[in-house]
ModelCIF file with pLDDT and N, C-alpha, C, O atoms, coordinates in Angstrom:
data_MODEL
#
_entry.id   MODEL 
#
_entity.id                         1 
_entity.type                       polymer 
_entity.pdbx_number_of_molecules   1 
#
_entity_poly.entity_id                      1 
_entity_poly.type                           'polypeptide(L)' 
_entity_poly.nstd_linkage                   no 
_entity_poly.nstd_monomer                   no 
_entity_poly.pdbx_seq_one_letter_code       SLPDDSASTTNKNLVFFSYSHADEEASCGAIS 
_entity_poly.pdbx_seq_one_letter_code_can   SLPDDSASTTNKNLVFFSYSHADEEASCGAIS 
_entity_poly.pdbx_strand_id                 A 
#
loop_
_entity_poly_seq.entity_id 
_entity_poly_seq.num 
_entity_poly_seq.mon_id 
_entity_poly_seq.hetero 
1 1  SER n 
1 2  LEU n 
1 3  PRO n 
1 4  ASP n 
1 5  ASP n 
1 6  SER n 
1 7  ALA n 
1 8  SER n 
1 9  THR n 
1 10 THR n 
1 11 ASN n 
1 12 LYS n 
1 13 ASN n 
1 14 LEU n 
1 15 VAL n 
1 16 PHE n 
1 17 PHE n 
1 18 SER n 
1 19 TYR n 
1 20 SER n 
1 21 HIS n 
1 22 ALA n 
1 23 ASP n 
1 24 GLU n 
1 25 GLU n 
1 26 ALA n 
1 27 SER n 
1 28 CYS n 
1 29 GLY n 
1 30 ALA n 
1 31 ILE n 
1 32 SER n 
#
_struct_asym.id          A 
_struct_asym.entity_id   1 
#
loop_
_ma_qa_metric.id 
_ma_qa_metric.mode 
_ma_qa_metric.name 
_ma_qa_metric.software_group_id 
_ma_qa_metric.type 
1 global pLDDT . pLDDT 
2 local  pLDDT . pLDDT 
#
_ma_qa_metric_global.metric_id      1 
_ma_qa_metric_global.metric_value   67.28 
_ma_qa_metric_global.model_id       1 
_ma_qa_metric_global.ordinal_id     1 
#
loop_
_ma_qa_metric_local.label_asym_id 
_ma_qa_metric_local.label_comp_id 
_ma_qa_metric_local.label_seq_id 
_ma_qa_metric_local.metric_id 
_ma_qa_metric_local.metric_value 
_ma_qa_metric_local.model_id 
_ma_qa_metric_local.ordinal_id 
A SER 1  2 37.00 1 1  
A LEU 2  2 35.00 1 2  
A PRO 3  2 35.00 1 3  
A ASP 4  2 37.00 1 4  
A ASP 5  2 36.00 1 5  
A SER 6  2 36.00 1 6  
A ALA 7  2 35.00 1 7  
A SER 8  2 35.00 1 8  
A THR 9  2 34.00 1 9  
A THR 10 2 37.00 1 10 
A ASN 11 2 39.00 1 11 
A LYS 12 2 46.00 1 12 
A ASN 13 2 46.00 1 13 
A LEU 14 2 69.00 1 14 
A VAL 15 2 82.00 1 15 
A PHE 16 2 83.00 1 16 
A PHE 17 2 86.00 1 17 
A SER 18 2 86.00 1 18 
A TYR 19 2 89.00 1 19 
A SER 20 2 88.00 1 20 
A HIS 21 2 87.00 1 21 
A ALA 22 2 89.00 1 22 
A ASP 23 2 91.00 1 23 
A GLU 24 2 89.00 1 24 
A GLU 25 2 89.00 1 25 
A ALA 26 2 92.00 1 26 
A SER 27 2 91.00 1 27 
A CYS 28 2 90.00 1 28 
A GLY 29 2 90.00 1 29 
A ALA 30 2 92.00 1 30 
A ILE 31 2 92.00 1 31 
A SER 32 2 90.00 1 32 
#
loop_
_atom_site.group_PDB 
_atom_site.id 
_atom_site.type_symbol 
_atom_site.label_atom_id 
_atom_site.label_alt_id 
_atom_site.label_comp_id 
_atom_site.label_asym_id 
_atom_site.label_entity_id 
_atom_site.label_seq_id 
_atom_site.pdbx_PDB_ins_code 
_atom_site.Cartn_x 
_atom_site.Cartn_y 
_atom_site.Cartn_z 
_atom_site.occupancy 
_atom_site.B_iso_or_equiv 
_atom_site.pdbx_formal_charge 
_atom_site.auth_seq_id 
_atom_site.auth_comp_id 
_atom_site.auth_asym_id 
_atom_site.auth_atom_id 
_atom_site.pdbx_PDB_model_num 
ATOM 1   N N  . SER A 1 1  ? 153.833 -9.103 20.276 1.00 37.00 ? 1  SER A N  1 
ATOM 2   C CA . SER A 1 1  ? 153.905 -9.922 21.470 1.00 37.00 ? 1  SER A CA 1 
ATOM 3   C C  . SER A 1 1  ? 154.558 -9.196 22.640 1.00 37.00 ? 1  SER A C  1 
ATOM 4   O O  . SER A 1 1  ? 155.086 -9.840 23.546 1.00 37.00 ? 1  SER A O  1 
ATOM 5   N N  . LEU A 1 2  ? 154.531 -7.866 22.634 1.00 35.00 ? 2  LEU A N  1 
ATOM 6   C CA . LEU A 1 2  ? 155.034 -7.124 23.769 1.00 35.00 ? 2  LEU A CA 1 
ATOM 7   C C  . LEU A 1 2  ? 154.055 -7.195 24.932 1.00 35.00 ? 2  LEU A C  1 
ATOM 8   O O  . LEU A 1 2  ? 152.874 -7.468 24.719 1.00 35.00 ? 2  LEU A O  1 
ATOM 9   N N  . PRO A 1 3  ? 154.505 -6.961 26.133 1.00 35.00 ? 3  PRO A N  1 
ATOM 10  C CA . PRO A 1 3  ? 153.577 -6.890 27.259 1.00 35.00 ? 3  PRO A CA 1 
ATOM 11  C C  . PRO A 1 3  ? 152.543 -5.800 27.020 1.00 35.00 ? 3  PRO A C  1 
ATOM 12  O O  . PRO A 1 3  ? 152.757 -4.889 26.221 1.00 35.00 ? 3  PRO A O  1 
ATOM 13  N N  . ASP A 1 4  ? 151.422 -5.904 27.721 1.00 37.00 ? 4  ASP A N  1 
ATOM 14  C CA . ASP A 1 4  ? 150.308 -4.998 27.483 1.00 37.00 ? 4  ASP A CA 1 
ATOM 15  C C  . ASP A 1 4  ? 150.697 -3.540 27.647 1.00 37.00 ? 4  ASP A C  1 
ATOM 16  O O  . ASP A 1 4  ? 150.261 -2.696 26.864 1.00 37.00 ? 4  ASP A O  1 
ATOM 17  N N  . ASP A 1 5  ? 151.531 -3.217 28.678 1.00 36.00 ? 5  ASP A N  1 
ATOM 18  C CA . ASP A 1 5  ? 151.831 -1.814 28.912 1.00 36.00 ? 5  ASP A CA 1 
ATOM 19  C C  . ASP A 1 5  ? 152.683 -1.237 27.801 1.00 36.00 ? 5  ASP A C  1 
ATOM 20  O O  . ASP A 1 5  ? 152.587 -0.045 27.509 1.00 36.00 ? 5  ASP A O  1 
ATOM 21  N N  . SER A 1 6  ? 153.527 -2.066 27.165 1.00 36.00 ? 6  SER A N  1 
ATOM 22  C CA . SER A 1 6  ? 154.338 -1.582 26.059 1.00 36.00 ? 6  SER A CA 1 
ATOM 23  C C  . SER A 1 6  ? 153.522 -1.470 24.801 1.00 36.00 ? 6  SER A C  1 
ATOM 24  O O  . SER A 1 6  ? 153.663 -0.508 24.045 1.00 36.00 ? 6  SER A O  1 
ATOM 25  N N  . ALA A 1 7  ? 152.657 -2.457 24.566 1.00 35.00 ? 7  ALA A N  1 
ATOM 26  C CA . ALA A 1 7  ? 151.859 -2.454 23.335 1.00 35.00 ? 7  ALA A CA 1 
ATOM 27  C C  . ALA A 1 7  ? 150.932 -1.264 23.292 1.00 35.00 ? 7  ALA A C  1 
ATOM 28  O O  . ALA A 1 7  ? 150.652 -0.732 22.218 1.00 35.00 ? 7  ALA A O  1 
ATOM 29  N N  . SER A 1 8  ? 150.450 -0.838 24.453 1.00 35.00 ? 8  SER A N  1 
ATOM 30  C CA . SER A 1 8  ? 149.477 0.246  24.461 1.00 35.00 ? 8  SER A CA 1 
ATOM 31  C C  . SER A 1 8  ? 150.094 1.593  24.123 1.00 35.00 ? 8  SER A C  1 
ATOM 32  O O  . SER A 1 8  ? 149.375 2.536  23.793 1.00 35.00 ? 8  SER A O  1 
ATOM 33  N N  . THR A 1 9  ? 151.433 1.697  24.202 1.00 34.00 ? 9  THR A N  1 
ATOM 34  C CA . THR A 1 9  ? 152.063 2.976  23.928 1.00 34.00 ? 9  THR A CA 1 
ATOM 35  C C  . THR A 1 9  ? 152.561 3.092  22.509 1.00 34.00 ? 9  THR A C  1 
ATOM 36  O O  . THR A 1 9  ? 153.034 4.159  22.117 1.00 34.00 ? 9  THR A O  1 
ATOM 37  N N  . THR A 1 10 ? 152.475 2.035  21.720 1.00 37.00 ? 10 THR A N  1 
ATOM 38  C CA . THR A 1 10 ? 152.990 2.104  20.354 1.00 37.00 ? 10 THR A CA 1 
ATOM 39  C C  . THR A 1 10 ? 152.091 2.943  19.468 1.00 37.00 ? 10 THR A C  1 
ATOM 40  O O  . THR A 1 10 ? 150.884 3.023  19.695 1.00 37.00 ? 10 THR A O  1 
ATOM 41  N N  . ASN A 1 11 ? 152.691 3.581  18.440 1.00 39.00 ? 11 ASN A N  1 
ATOM 42  C CA . ASN A 1 11 ? 151.925 4.372  17.498 1.00 39.00 ? 11 ASN A CA 1 
ATOM 43  C C  . ASN A 1 11 ? 151.583 3.582  16.253 1.00 39.00 ? 11 ASN A C  1 
ATOM 44  O O  . ASN A 1 11 ? 150.951 4.108  15.338 1.00 39.00 ? 11 ASN A O  1 
ATOM 45  N N  . LYS A 1 12 ? 151.989 2.338  16.208 1.00 46.00 ? 12 LYS A N  1 
ATOM 46  C CA . LYS A 1 12 ? 151.757 1.534  15.015 1.00 46.00 ? 12 LYS A CA 1 
ATOM 47  C C  . LYS A 1 12 ? 150.361 0.914  15.082 1.00 46.00 ? 12 LYS A C  1 
ATOM 48  O O  . LYS A 1 12 ? 149.977 0.377  16.121 1.00 46.00 ? 12 LYS A O  1 
ATOM 49  N N  . ASN A 1 13 ? 149.594 0.982  13.984 1.00 46.00 ? 13 ASN A N  1 
ATOM 50  C CA . ASN A 1 13 ? 148.238 0.459  13.959 1.00 46.00 ? 13 ASN A CA 1 
ATOM 51  C C  . ASN A 1 13 ? 148.188 -0.821 13.157 1.00 46.00 ? 13 ASN A C  1 
ATOM 52  O O  . ASN A 1 13 ? 148.748 -0.892 12.063 1.00 46.00 ? 13 ASN A O  1 
ATOM 53  N N  . LEU A 1 14 ? 147.533 -1.819 13.679 1.00 69.00 ? 14 LEU A N  1 
ATOM 54  C CA . LEU A 1 14 ? 147.386 -3.071 12.955 1.00 69.00 ? 14 LEU A CA 1 
ATOM 55  C C  . LEU A 1 14 ? 146.163 -3.031 12.054 1.00 69.00 ? 14 LEU A C  1 
ATOM 56  O O  . LEU A 1 14 ? 146.173 -3.606 10.965 1.00 69.00 ? 14 LEU A O  1 
ATOM 57  N N  . VAL A 1 15 ? 145.097 -2.348 12.505 1.00 82.00 ? 15 VAL A N  1 
ATOM 58  C CA . VAL A 1 15 ? 143.845 -2.316 11.753 1.00 82.00 ? 15 VAL A CA 1 
ATOM 59  C C  . VAL A 1 15 ? 143.364 -0.865 11.629 1.00 82.00 ? 15 VAL A C  1 
ATOM 60  O O  . VAL A 1 15 ? 143.434 -0.091 12.584 1.00 82.00 ? 15 VAL A O  1 
ATOM 61  N N  . PHE A 1 16 ? 142.878 -0.517 10.444 1.00 83.00 ? 16 PHE A N  1 
ATOM 62  C CA . PHE A 1 16 ? 142.331 0.816  10.202 1.00 83.00 ? 16 PHE A CA 1 
ATOM 63  C C  . PHE A 1 16 ? 140.851 0.661  9.867  1.00 83.00 ? 16 PHE A C  1 
ATOM 64  O O  . PHE A 1 16 ? 140.504 0.025  8.872  1.00 83.00 ? 16 PHE A O  1 
ATOM 65  N N  . PHE A 1 17 ? 139.969 1.244  10.700 1.00 86.00 ? 17 PHE A N  1 
ATOM 66  C CA . PHE A 1 17 ? 138.529 1.231  10.440 1.00 86.00 ? 17 PHE A CA 1 
ATOM 67  C C  . PHE A 1 17 ? 138.159 2.446  9.587  1.00 86.00 ? 17 PHE A C  1 
ATOM 68  O O  . PHE A 1 17 ? 138.500 3.577  9.932  1.00 86.00 ? 17 PHE A O  1 
ATOM 69  N N  . SER A 1 18 ? 137.464 2.210  8.475  1.00 86.00 ? 18 SER A N  1 
ATOM 70  C CA . SER A 1 18 ? 136.942 3.296  7.653  1.00 86.00 ? 18 SER A CA 1 
ATOM 71  C C  . SER A 1 18 ? 135.430 3.118  7.567  1.00 86.00 ? 18 SER A C  1 
ATOM 72  O O  . SER A 1 18 ? 134.955 2.079  7.110  1.00 86.00 ? 18 SER A O  1 
ATOM 73  N N  . TYR A 1 19 ? 134.674 4.117  7.999  1.00 89.00 ? 19 TYR A N  1 
ATOM 74  C CA . TYR A 1 19 ? 133.227 3.956  8.088  1.00 89.00 ? 19 TYR A CA 1 
ATOM 75  C C  . TYR A 1 19 ? 132.540 5.311  8.008  1.00 89.00 ? 19 TYR A C  1 
ATOM 76  O O  . TYR A 1 19 ? 133.167 6.354  8.194  1.00 89.00 ? 19 TYR A O  1 
ATOM 77  N N  . SER A 1 20 ? 131.259 5.276  7.731  1.00 88.00 ? 20 SER A N  1 
ATOM 78  C CA . SER A 1 20 ? 130.450 6.490  7.737  1.00 88.00 ? 20 SER A CA 1 
ATOM 79  C C  . SER A 1 20 ? 129.959 6.751  9.164  1.00 88.00 ? 20 SER A C  1 
ATOM 80  O O  . SER A 1 20 ? 129.380 5.871  9.801  1.00 88.00 ? 20 SER A O  1 
ATOM 81  N N  . HIS A 1 21 ? 130.195 7.950  9.649  1.00 87.00 ? 21 HIS A N  1 
ATOM 82  C CA . HIS A 1 21 ? 129.744 8.278  11.006 1.00 87.00 ? 21 HIS A CA 1 
ATOM 83  C C  . HIS A 1 21 ? 128.222 8.221  11.114 1.00 87.00 ? 21 HIS A C  1 
ATOM 84  O O  . HIS A 1 21 ? 127.677 7.996  12.195 1.00 87.00 ? 21 HIS A O  1 
ATOM 85  N N  . ALA A 1 22 ? 127.544 8.426  9.995  1.00 89.00 ? 22 ALA A N  1 
ATOM 86  C CA . ALA A 1 22 ? 126.085 8.312  10.003 1.00 89.00 ? 22 ALA A CA 1 
ATOM 87  C C  . ALA A 1 22 ? 125.669 6.875  10.342 1.00 89.00 ? 22 ALA A C  1 
ATOM 88  O O  . ALA A 1 22 ? 124.670 6.665  11.031 1.00 89.00 ? 22 ALA A O  1 
ATOM 89  N N  . ASP A 1 23 ? 126.430 5.891  9.860  1.00 91.00 ? 23 ASP A N  1 
ATOM 90  C CA . ASP A 1 23 ? 126.125 4.486  10.165 1.00 91.00 ? 23 ASP A CA 1 
ATOM 91  C C  . ASP A 1 23 ? 126.351 4.188  11.639 1.00 91.00 ? 23 ASP A C  1 
ATOM 92  O O  . ASP A 1 23 ? 125.572 3.457  12.251 1.00 91.00 ? 23 ASP A O  1 
ATOM 93  N N  . GLU A 1 24 ? 127.408 4.746  12.213 1.00 89.00 ? 24 GLU A N  1 
ATOM 94  C CA . GLU A 1 24 ? 127.689 4.528  13.631 1.00 89.00 ? 24 GLU A CA 1 
ATOM 95  C C  . GLU A 1 24 ? 126.548 5.074  14.491 1.00 89.00 ? 24 GLU A C  1 
ATOM 96  O O  . GLU A 1 24 ? 126.152 4.448  15.474 1.00 89.00 ? 24 GLU A O  1 
ATOM 97  N N  . GLU A 1 25 ? 126.029 6.230  14.121 1.00 89.00 ? 25 GLU A N  1 
ATOM 98  C CA . GLU A 1 25 ? 124.936 6.832  14.898 1.00 89.00 ? 25 GLU A CA 1 
ATOM 99  C C  . GLU A 1 25 ? 123.621 6.087  14.668 1.00 89.00 ? 25 GLU A C  1 
ATOM 100 O O  . GLU A 1 25 ? 122.891 5.803  15.617 1.00 89.00 ? 25 GLU A O  1 
ATOM 101 N N  . ALA A 1 26 ? 123.318 5.771  13.399 1.00 92.00 ? 26 ALA A N  1 
ATOM 102 C CA . ALA A 1 26 ? 122.045 5.115  13.088 1.00 92.00 ? 26 ALA A CA 1 
ATOM 103 C C  . ALA A 1 26 ? 121.964 3.712  13.663 1.00 92.00 ? 26 ALA A C  1 
ATOM 104 O O  . ALA A 1 26 ? 120.872 3.225  13.959 1.00 92.00 ? 26 ALA A O  1 
ATOM 105 N N  . SER A 1 27 ? 123.113 3.053  13.824 1.00 91.00 ? 27 SER A N  1 
ATOM 106 C CA . SER A 1 27 ? 123.124 1.670  14.338 1.00 91.00 ? 27 SER A CA 1 
ATOM 107 C C  . SER A 1 27 ? 123.329 1.623  15.844 1.00 91.00 ? 27 SER A C  1 
ATOM 108 O O  . SER A 1 27 ? 123.572 0.560  16.414 1.00 91.00 ? 27 SER A O  1 
ATOM 109 N N  . CYS A 1 28 ? 123.229 2.790  16.486 1.00 90.00 ? 28 CYS A N  1 
ATOM 110 C CA . CYS A 1 28 ? 123.376 2.870  17.950 1.00 90.00 ? 28 CYS A CA 1 
ATOM 111 C C  . CYS A 1 28 ? 124.748 2.361  18.409 1.00 90.00 ? 28 CYS A C  1 
ATOM 112 O O  . CYS A 1 28 ? 124.855 1.642  19.402 1.00 90.00 ? 28 CYS A O  1 
ATOM 113 N N  . GLY A 1 29 ? 125.783 2.743  17.677 1.00 90.00 ? 29 GLY A N  1 
ATOM 114 C CA . GLY A 1 29 ? 127.141 2.398  18.088 1.00 90.00 ? 29 GLY A CA 1 
ATOM 115 C C  . GLY A 1 29 ? 127.577 0.987  17.730 1.00 90.00 ? 29 GLY A C  1 
ATOM 116 O O  . GLY A 1 29 ? 128.463 0.432  18.378 1.00 90.00 ? 29 GLY A O  1 
ATOM 117 N N  . ALA A 1 30 ? 126.960 0.393  16.695 1.00 92.00 ? 30 ALA A N  1 
ATOM 118 C CA . ALA A 1 30 ? 127.286 -1.000 16.346 1.00 92.00 ? 30 ALA A CA 1 
ATOM 119 C C  . ALA A 1 30 ? 128.745 -1.164 15.918 1.00 92.00 ? 30 ALA A C  1 
ATOM 120 O O  . ALA A 1 30 ? 129.349 -2.209 16.160 1.00 92.00 ? 30 ALA A O  1 
ATOM 121 N N  . ILE A 1 31 ? 129.314 -0.128 15.280 1.00 92.00 ? 31 ILE A N  1 
ATOM 122 C CA . ILE A 1 31 ? 130.705 -0.238 14.820 1.00 92.00 ? 31 ILE A CA 1 
ATOM 123 C C  . ILE A 1 31 ? 131.656 -0.194 16.022 1.00 92.00 ? 31 ILE A C  1 
ATOM 124 O O  . ILE A 1 31 ? 132.643 -0.929 16.057 1.00 92.00 ? 31 ILE A O  1 
ATOM 125 N N  . SER A 1 32 ? 131.369 0.647  16.985 1.00 90.00 ? 32 SER A N  1 
ATOM 126 C CA . SER A 1 32 ? 132.179 0.686  18.212 1.00 90.00 ? 32 SER A CA 1 
ATOM 127 C C  . SER A 1 32 ? 132.108 -0.648 18.946 1.00 90.00 ? 32 SER A C  1 
ATOM 128 O O  . SER A 1 32 ? 132.724 -0.806 20.000 1.00 90.00 ? 32 SER A O  1 
#
């Protein structure tokens, strides 16, 4: 619940995406 400018500088990650880069390319960037 920090302000946006503070939250953007944190190194802590809430979510980790694990995916095949082949899927990202074949789906035209659907994962992004």
